[in-house]
């Protein structure tokens, strides 16, 4: 699927994506999918202007990703699967500030993330 038109993604480790989902139950987290140990969080196209921390890669216009079929959900740590399906998310996208907060906390600064 081509990126940069309807949405873009941020690539991160599957573990960081799991942490994002666990922490953000009450916040705006959109769809998240993974392939093996790499995950992709759906973000707005405008997120290209964000400064992304080390370990995160923004993929937008000119990039392509393979999106899992709707029925492909968490079946283990391998393969193409949804970690948070669009119909479960309730949001089209994840705000870049939410992703940055969770990554900051996961890097061990000991502070609790603040909602955006």
N, C-alpha and C. Protein backbone atom coordinates (compact mmCIF):
# COMPACT_ATOMS: atom_id res chain seq x y z
N UNK A 1 0.85 -1.16 0.00
CA UNK A 1 0.00 0.00 0.00
C UNK A 1 0.90 1.23 0.00
N UNK A 2 0.64 2.18 -0.88
CA UNK A 2 1.47 3.38 -0.93
C UNK A 2 1.19 4.29 0.27
N UNK A 3 2.24 4.90 0.78
CA UNK A 3 2.11 5.80 1.93
C UNK A 3 2.20 7.25 1.47
N UNK A 4 1.75 8.14 2.36
CA UNK A 4 1.89 9.56 2.12
C UNK A 4 0.69 10.23 1.49
N UNK A 5 -0.37 9.47 1.24
CA UNK A 5 -1.58 10.05 0.66
C UNK A 5 -2.71 10.03 1.69
N UNK A 6 -3.16 8.85 2.08
CA UNK A 6 -4.22 8.74 3.09
C UNK A 6 -3.63 8.70 4.50
N UNK A 7 -2.46 8.10 4.62
CA UNK A 7 -1.79 8.00 5.92
C UNK A 7 -0.32 7.70 5.70
N UNK A 8 0.45 7.82 6.77
CA UNK A 8 1.85 7.43 6.80
C UNK A 8 2.02 6.51 7.99
N UNK A 9 3.22 6.00 8.21
CA UNK A 9 3.48 5.14 9.36
C UNK A 9 4.81 5.52 10.00
N UNK A 10 4.94 5.13 11.25
CA UNK A 10 6.22 5.21 11.95
C UNK A 10 6.62 3.78 12.26
N UNK A 11 7.83 3.42 11.86
CA UNK A 11 8.36 2.07 12.08
C UNK A 11 9.13 2.06 13.39
N UNK A 12 8.86 1.04 14.21
CA UNK A 12 9.53 0.87 15.50
C UNK A 12 9.53 -0.59 15.85
N UNK A 13 10.13 -0.94 16.95
CA UNK A 13 10.15 -2.35 17.35
C UNK A 13 8.75 -2.79 17.76
N UNK A 14 8.48 -4.07 17.59
CA UNK A 14 7.18 -4.60 17.99
C UNK A 14 6.99 -4.44 19.50
N UNK A 15 8.06 -4.57 20.29
CA UNK A 15 7.95 -4.38 21.74
C UNK A 15 7.56 -2.96 22.09
N UNK A 16 8.16 -1.98 21.42
CA UNK A 16 7.79 -0.58 21.67
C UNK A 16 6.34 -0.33 21.29
N UNK A 17 5.87 -0.96 20.22
CA UNK A 17 4.47 -0.81 19.82
C UNK A 17 3.55 -1.43 20.86
N UNK A 18 3.93 -2.58 21.40
CA UNK A 18 3.13 -3.20 22.48
C UNK A 18 3.07 -2.29 23.69
N UNK A 19 4.20 -1.66 24.04
CA UNK A 19 4.23 -0.71 25.16
C UNK A 19 3.32 0.48 24.88
N UNK A 20 3.34 0.97 23.66
CA UNK A 20 2.48 2.08 23.26
C UNK A 20 1.01 1.73 23.46
N UNK A 21 0.61 0.55 23.02
CA UNK A 21 -0.77 0.12 23.16
C UNK A 21 -1.14 -0.06 24.63
N UNK A 22 -0.26 -0.69 25.40
CA UNK A 22 -0.54 -0.93 26.82
C UNK A 22 -0.67 0.38 27.60
N UNK A 23 0.23 1.31 27.36
CA UNK A 23 0.21 2.58 28.09
C UNK A 23 -0.97 3.44 27.70
N UNK A 24 -1.34 3.41 26.46
CA UNK A 24 -2.26 4.40 25.92
C UNK A 24 -3.72 3.97 25.88
N UNK A 25 -4.11 3.06 26.68
CA UNK A 25 -5.49 2.56 26.63
C UNK A 25 -6.53 3.69 26.68
N UNK A 26 -6.23 4.77 27.38
CA UNK A 26 -7.19 5.87 27.50
C UNK A 26 -6.88 7.02 26.56
N UNK A 27 -5.91 6.84 25.69
CA UNK A 27 -5.52 7.93 24.80
C UNK A 27 -5.76 7.54 23.35
N UNK A 28 -5.48 8.45 22.48
CA UNK A 28 -5.77 8.31 21.05
C UNK A 28 -4.70 7.51 20.33
N UNK A 29 -4.87 6.21 20.25
CA UNK A 29 -3.93 5.39 19.49
C UNK A 29 -4.71 4.74 18.36
N UNK A 30 -4.21 4.93 17.17
CA UNK A 30 -4.85 4.37 15.99
C UNK A 30 -4.36 2.97 15.71
N UNK A 31 -4.56 2.52 14.48
CA UNK A 31 -4.15 1.17 14.10
C UNK A 31 -2.64 0.96 14.20
N UNK A 32 -2.27 -0.26 14.56
CA UNK A 32 -0.87 -0.66 14.67
C UNK A 32 -0.77 -2.07 14.09
N UNK A 33 0.19 -2.29 13.21
CA UNK A 33 0.40 -3.63 12.68
C UNK A 33 1.88 -3.97 12.74
N UNK A 34 2.17 -5.25 12.64
CA UNK A 34 3.56 -5.71 12.77
C UNK A 34 3.87 -6.80 11.77
N UNK A 35 5.14 -6.91 11.47
CA UNK A 35 5.66 -8.03 10.69
C UNK A 35 6.90 -8.51 11.42
N UNK A 36 6.80 -9.68 11.97
CA UNK A 36 7.85 -10.24 12.82
C UNK A 36 8.13 -9.28 13.98
N UNK A 37 9.36 -8.79 14.12
CA UNK A 37 9.72 -7.95 15.26
C UNK A 37 9.66 -6.45 14.96
N UNK A 38 9.09 -6.09 13.83
CA UNK A 38 8.98 -4.68 13.43
C UNK A 38 7.51 -4.30 13.39
N UNK A 39 7.19 -3.14 13.95
CA UNK A 39 5.80 -2.68 13.97
C UNK A 39 5.67 -1.35 13.24
N UNK A 40 4.44 -1.04 12.86
CA UNK A 40 4.12 0.18 12.14
C UNK A 40 2.90 0.82 12.78
N UNK A 41 3.04 2.07 13.20
CA UNK A 41 1.95 2.82 13.80
C UNK A 41 1.44 3.80 12.76
N UNK A 42 0.14 3.79 12.51
CA UNK A 42 -0.45 4.68 11.52
C UNK A 42 -0.50 6.10 12.08
N UNK A 43 0.06 7.04 11.33
CA UNK A 43 0.12 8.45 11.73
C UNK A 43 -0.39 9.32 10.59
N UNK A 44 -0.76 10.57 10.88
CA UNK A 44 -1.17 11.48 9.82
C UNK A 44 -0.02 11.76 8.84
N UNK A 45 -0.37 12.04 7.61
CA UNK A 45 0.62 12.37 6.59
C UNK A 45 1.48 13.56 7.04
N UNK A 46 0.88 14.50 7.74
CA UNK A 46 1.59 15.70 8.19
C UNK A 46 2.70 15.40 9.21
N UNK A 47 2.78 14.18 9.69
CA UNK A 47 3.79 13.81 10.69
C UNK A 47 5.21 13.84 10.14
N UNK A 48 5.35 13.99 8.85
CA UNK A 48 6.69 14.05 8.24
C UNK A 48 7.49 15.21 8.80
N UNK A 49 6.79 16.24 9.27
CA UNK A 49 7.47 17.43 9.80
C UNK A 49 7.94 17.26 11.24
N UNK A 50 7.61 16.15 11.87
CA UNK A 50 7.97 15.91 13.27
C UNK A 50 9.43 15.47 13.38
N UNK A 51 10.11 15.88 14.45
CA UNK A 51 11.43 15.29 14.72
C UNK A 51 11.21 13.94 15.42
N UNK A 52 11.70 12.88 14.84
CA UNK A 52 11.48 11.55 15.41
C UNK A 52 12.71 11.09 16.17
N UNK A 53 12.51 10.53 17.38
CA UNK A 53 13.64 10.06 18.18
C UNK A 53 14.38 8.89 17.50
N UNK A 54 15.59 8.67 17.95
CA UNK A 54 16.39 7.54 17.47
C UNK A 54 15.60 6.25 17.69
N UNK A 55 15.64 5.38 16.73
CA UNK A 55 14.92 4.11 16.83
C UNK A 55 13.57 4.12 16.15
N UNK A 56 13.10 5.30 15.74
CA UNK A 56 11.84 5.42 15.02
C UNK A 56 12.13 5.92 13.61
N UNK A 57 11.42 5.38 12.66
CA UNK A 57 11.60 5.80 11.28
C UNK A 57 10.25 6.18 10.70
N UNK A 58 10.14 7.40 10.21
CA UNK A 58 8.92 7.85 9.55
C UNK A 58 8.96 7.37 8.10
N UNK A 59 7.87 6.77 7.65
CA UNK A 59 7.72 6.34 6.27
C UNK A 59 6.51 7.03 5.68
N UNK A 60 6.73 7.81 4.66
CA UNK A 60 5.65 8.57 4.03
C UNK A 60 5.70 8.43 2.53
N UNK A 61 5.43 9.54 1.85
CA UNK A 61 5.34 9.53 0.39
C UNK A 61 6.58 8.90 -0.23
N UNK A 62 6.35 7.99 -1.16
CA UNK A 62 7.43 7.27 -1.81
C UNK A 62 7.72 5.92 -1.18
N UNK A 63 7.10 5.64 -0.04
CA UNK A 63 7.29 4.35 0.65
C UNK A 63 6.03 3.50 0.49
N UNK A 64 6.22 2.21 0.65
CA UNK A 64 5.11 1.25 0.58
C UNK A 64 5.19 0.33 1.79
N UNK A 65 4.04 -0.15 2.26
CA UNK A 65 3.99 -1.17 3.30
C UNK A 65 2.94 -2.21 2.91
N UNK A 66 3.10 -3.39 3.44
CA UNK A 66 2.09 -4.43 3.30
C UNK A 66 1.25 -4.42 4.56
N UNK A 67 -0.05 -4.23 4.40
CA UNK A 67 -0.97 -4.17 5.52
C UNK A 67 -1.64 -5.53 5.68
N UNK A 68 -1.77 -6.04 6.92
CA UNK A 68 -2.38 -7.35 7.10
C UNK A 68 -3.87 -7.36 6.75
N UNK A 69 -4.35 -8.53 6.43
CA UNK A 69 -5.79 -8.72 6.22
C UNK A 69 -6.49 -8.49 7.56
N UNK A 70 -7.75 -8.07 7.53
CA UNK A 70 -8.46 -7.76 8.78
C UNK A 70 -8.47 -8.89 9.81
N UNK A 71 -8.49 -10.13 9.36
CA UNK A 71 -8.57 -11.26 10.31
C UNK A 71 -7.22 -11.65 10.89
N UNK A 72 -6.13 -11.08 10.41
CA UNK A 72 -4.79 -11.42 10.91
C UNK A 72 -4.50 -10.61 12.17
N UNK A 73 -4.69 -11.24 13.31
CA UNK A 73 -4.47 -10.57 14.58
C UNK A 73 -3.37 -11.28 15.35
N UNK A 74 -3.13 -10.86 16.58
CA UNK A 74 -2.05 -11.39 17.41
C UNK A 74 -2.12 -12.91 17.50
N UNK A 75 -1.21 -13.55 16.82
CA UNK A 75 -1.14 -15.01 16.87
C UNK A 75 0.24 -15.46 17.31
N UNK A 76 1.00 -14.53 17.81
CA UNK A 76 2.36 -14.85 18.20
C UNK A 76 3.30 -13.76 17.73
N UNK A 77 4.56 -13.94 17.97
CA UNK A 77 5.53 -12.88 17.68
C UNK A 77 5.99 -12.82 16.22
N UNK A 78 5.49 -13.66 15.34
CA UNK A 78 5.98 -13.71 13.97
C UNK A 78 4.84 -13.46 12.98
N UNK A 79 5.24 -13.09 11.78
CA UNK A 79 4.29 -12.94 10.69
C UNK A 79 3.65 -11.55 10.65
N UNK A 80 2.90 -11.31 9.59
CA UNK A 80 2.19 -10.06 9.39
C UNK A 80 0.87 -10.12 10.15
N UNK A 81 0.65 -9.16 11.07
CA UNK A 81 -0.53 -9.22 11.93
C UNK A 81 -0.87 -7.84 12.45
N UNK A 82 -2.13 -7.67 12.84
CA UNK A 82 -2.58 -6.45 13.51
C UNK A 82 -2.31 -6.57 15.00
N UNK A 83 -1.72 -5.55 15.58
CA UNK A 83 -1.62 -5.46 17.04
C UNK A 83 -2.83 -4.69 17.57
N UNK A 84 -3.30 -3.76 16.75
CA UNK A 84 -4.52 -2.99 17.07
C UNK A 84 -5.21 -2.70 15.74
N UNK A 85 -6.29 -3.43 15.49
CA UNK A 85 -7.00 -3.29 14.22
C UNK A 85 -7.73 -1.95 14.15
N UNK A 86 -7.95 -1.45 12.94
CA UNK A 86 -8.64 -0.15 12.80
C UNK A 86 -9.98 -0.10 13.52
N UNK A 87 -10.75 -1.16 13.45
CA UNK A 87 -12.07 -1.16 14.10
C UNK A 87 -11.97 -1.22 15.62
N UNK A 88 -10.85 -1.64 16.17
CA UNK A 88 -10.64 -1.65 17.62
C UNK A 88 -10.12 -0.31 18.12
N UNK A 89 -9.41 0.39 17.25
CA UNK A 89 -8.70 1.60 17.65
C UNK A 89 -9.63 2.75 18.00
N UNK A 90 -10.64 2.98 17.19
CA UNK A 90 -11.51 4.12 17.43
C UNK A 90 -10.93 5.43 16.92
N UNK A 91 -9.70 5.40 16.45
CA UNK A 91 -9.01 6.58 15.91
C UNK A 91 -8.38 6.19 14.60
N UNK A 92 -8.34 7.12 13.65
CA UNK A 92 -7.70 6.84 12.36
C UNK A 92 -6.19 6.82 12.48
N UNK A 93 -5.65 7.64 13.38
CA UNK A 93 -4.21 7.82 13.49
C UNK A 93 -3.79 7.86 14.96
N UNK A 94 -2.47 7.78 15.15
CA UNK A 94 -1.89 8.04 16.46
C UNK A 94 -1.15 9.37 16.38
N UNK A 95 -1.38 10.21 17.36
CA UNK A 95 -0.69 11.51 17.40
C UNK A 95 0.80 11.29 17.62
N UNK A 96 1.65 11.98 16.87
CA UNK A 96 3.10 11.82 17.06
C UNK A 96 3.55 12.05 18.50
N UNK A 97 2.92 12.98 19.21
CA UNK A 97 3.32 13.25 20.60
C UNK A 97 3.11 12.04 21.50
N UNK A 98 2.08 11.24 21.24
CA UNK A 98 1.84 10.03 22.04
C UNK A 98 2.97 9.04 21.82
N UNK A 99 3.36 8.83 20.58
CA UNK A 99 4.44 7.89 20.27
C UNK A 99 5.74 8.37 20.91
N UNK A 100 6.04 9.64 20.80
CA UNK A 100 7.28 10.18 21.35
C UNK A 100 7.32 10.04 22.87
N UNK A 101 6.21 10.28 23.54
CA UNK A 101 6.17 10.14 25.00
C UNK A 101 6.46 8.70 25.43
N UNK A 102 5.83 7.75 24.77
CA UNK A 102 6.02 6.35 25.15
C UNK A 102 7.46 5.92 24.89
N UNK A 103 8.02 6.30 23.77
CA UNK A 103 9.41 5.95 23.48
C UNK A 103 10.34 6.58 24.52
N UNK A 104 10.07 7.80 24.91
CA UNK A 104 10.88 8.48 25.92
C UNK A 104 10.85 7.71 27.24
N UNK A 105 9.68 7.27 27.64
CA UNK A 105 9.55 6.51 28.88
C UNK A 105 10.22 5.15 28.76
N UNK A 106 10.07 4.49 27.62
CA UNK A 106 10.66 3.17 27.42
C UNK A 106 12.19 3.22 27.39
N UNK A 107 12.74 4.39 27.13
CA UNK A 107 14.20 4.52 27.10
C UNK A 107 14.78 4.66 28.50
N UNK A 108 13.93 4.64 29.52
CA UNK A 108 14.43 4.54 30.87
C UNK A 108 14.63 5.83 31.63
N UNK A 109 13.89 6.89 31.32
CA UNK A 109 14.08 8.11 32.10
C UNK A 109 13.29 8.08 33.40
N UNK A 110 12.42 7.07 33.56
CA UNK A 110 11.71 6.91 34.83
C UNK A 110 10.52 7.81 35.02
N UNK A 111 10.22 8.69 34.09
CA UNK A 111 9.08 9.59 34.23
C UNK A 111 7.84 8.99 33.58
N UNK A 112 6.71 9.33 34.08
CA UNK A 112 5.46 8.88 33.49
C UNK A 112 5.13 9.77 32.29
N UNK A 113 4.62 9.17 31.21
CA UNK A 113 4.25 9.98 30.05
C UNK A 113 3.05 10.87 30.37
N UNK A 114 3.01 12.02 29.74
CA UNK A 114 1.90 12.94 29.90
C UNK A 114 1.04 12.88 28.64
N UNK A 115 -0.27 12.89 28.79
CA UNK A 115 -1.11 12.86 27.61
C UNK A 115 -0.86 14.10 26.76
N UNK A 116 -0.97 13.96 25.43
CA UNK A 116 -0.73 15.10 24.56
C UNK A 116 -1.81 16.16 24.70
